[in-house]
């Protein structure tokens, strides 16, 4: 077979604030690949089908000397993220041609993967492959595993979830409803509020228009706060937390691109209300919950008991645009880039 185009998304420039499509990352078409002869060195050749665009990716667009829980993207090289691919060739006994795999993949058309850290997806429930990047992928794991580990949820309590229409927040809200909690969710558009209502959220509000502090006080305070945004919203949650409240710190996107952190005059409530704050990274919970997650969640998704939404954009060249949309909250649902069909 003649070599074919292997387009890729290169990390081109460290952004000062929001990533700029065509500057921060660029779509490069200079490489080709011979699918029949490219050396595998004991690994697998994967055709990339779908890629997940997630908020955490912004944290990797930094100078390499800046410390974080994941290494910085390397300038001039392909960025990576969670993806679904199909094995074309294999020199690893764990995988065979035709297998669909999930894990961290390069953002390009084809990838030679030299390790065995990918999960082969059985997909017994015949769900779209993209589902395994959202509610059944890293965002779903984040919600399910941390809720199980840290919420200590009790029937009759109240939980507040910021970014409640997103792939993580919306699953947290549904898990909380199943546990008998009153649920409060915030989002930034009417479409997102409508989705939160669809999944049964008791109190939904637009944080751009409503007074978060007043809404939480009107709800008589909260027992659990699932934090996806940090900043002023976190401070308002601190101000309205009940005694022995639990704060699950998942993300703080309000400061990812500006570097600005809102003052926290209510930090004293951690002491006054005997609050517990749990920071976590989902990969540190996978060993405990991964098999349970894949056993419990897929049938709930197939049956419709767990609802989810996706926003699929066609074309690898659109990655930069979708990264920016996710950082600004302009995406309408779980952001997925569809790269190719099987």
Foldseek 3Di string as FASTA:
>chain_A
DDWDWKKFKFQAAQDQFFFDAPHRIAIDGPDTDDPVDDDQQQFFKWFFFKFFQALCLLVLSDPQVDDDPDGHGDGPDFDKGWTKTATCPGNYPVDHGGFIWIDIDTLIRMDRDRDDPIDGDPPPLVDPPCCCCFCVHDLVLLQVQCCVVFQPDAAAFEEEEEVLLERNNVQNQLVNVVRRYQYEYEAADPLSQVSSVVSPHNHYDYVVPDDLLVVCVVVQAGQEYEDAAAAPNVLSNLVRHAAAGEYEDEHHLVCSRPVDHHDRPSPCSCVVRVYHYDYDDSVVRCVPCVVVSVVPPPVCVSVVSRDFDEDEAEDSRCSSVVNSCNSVVVDSYRYMYGDDDD
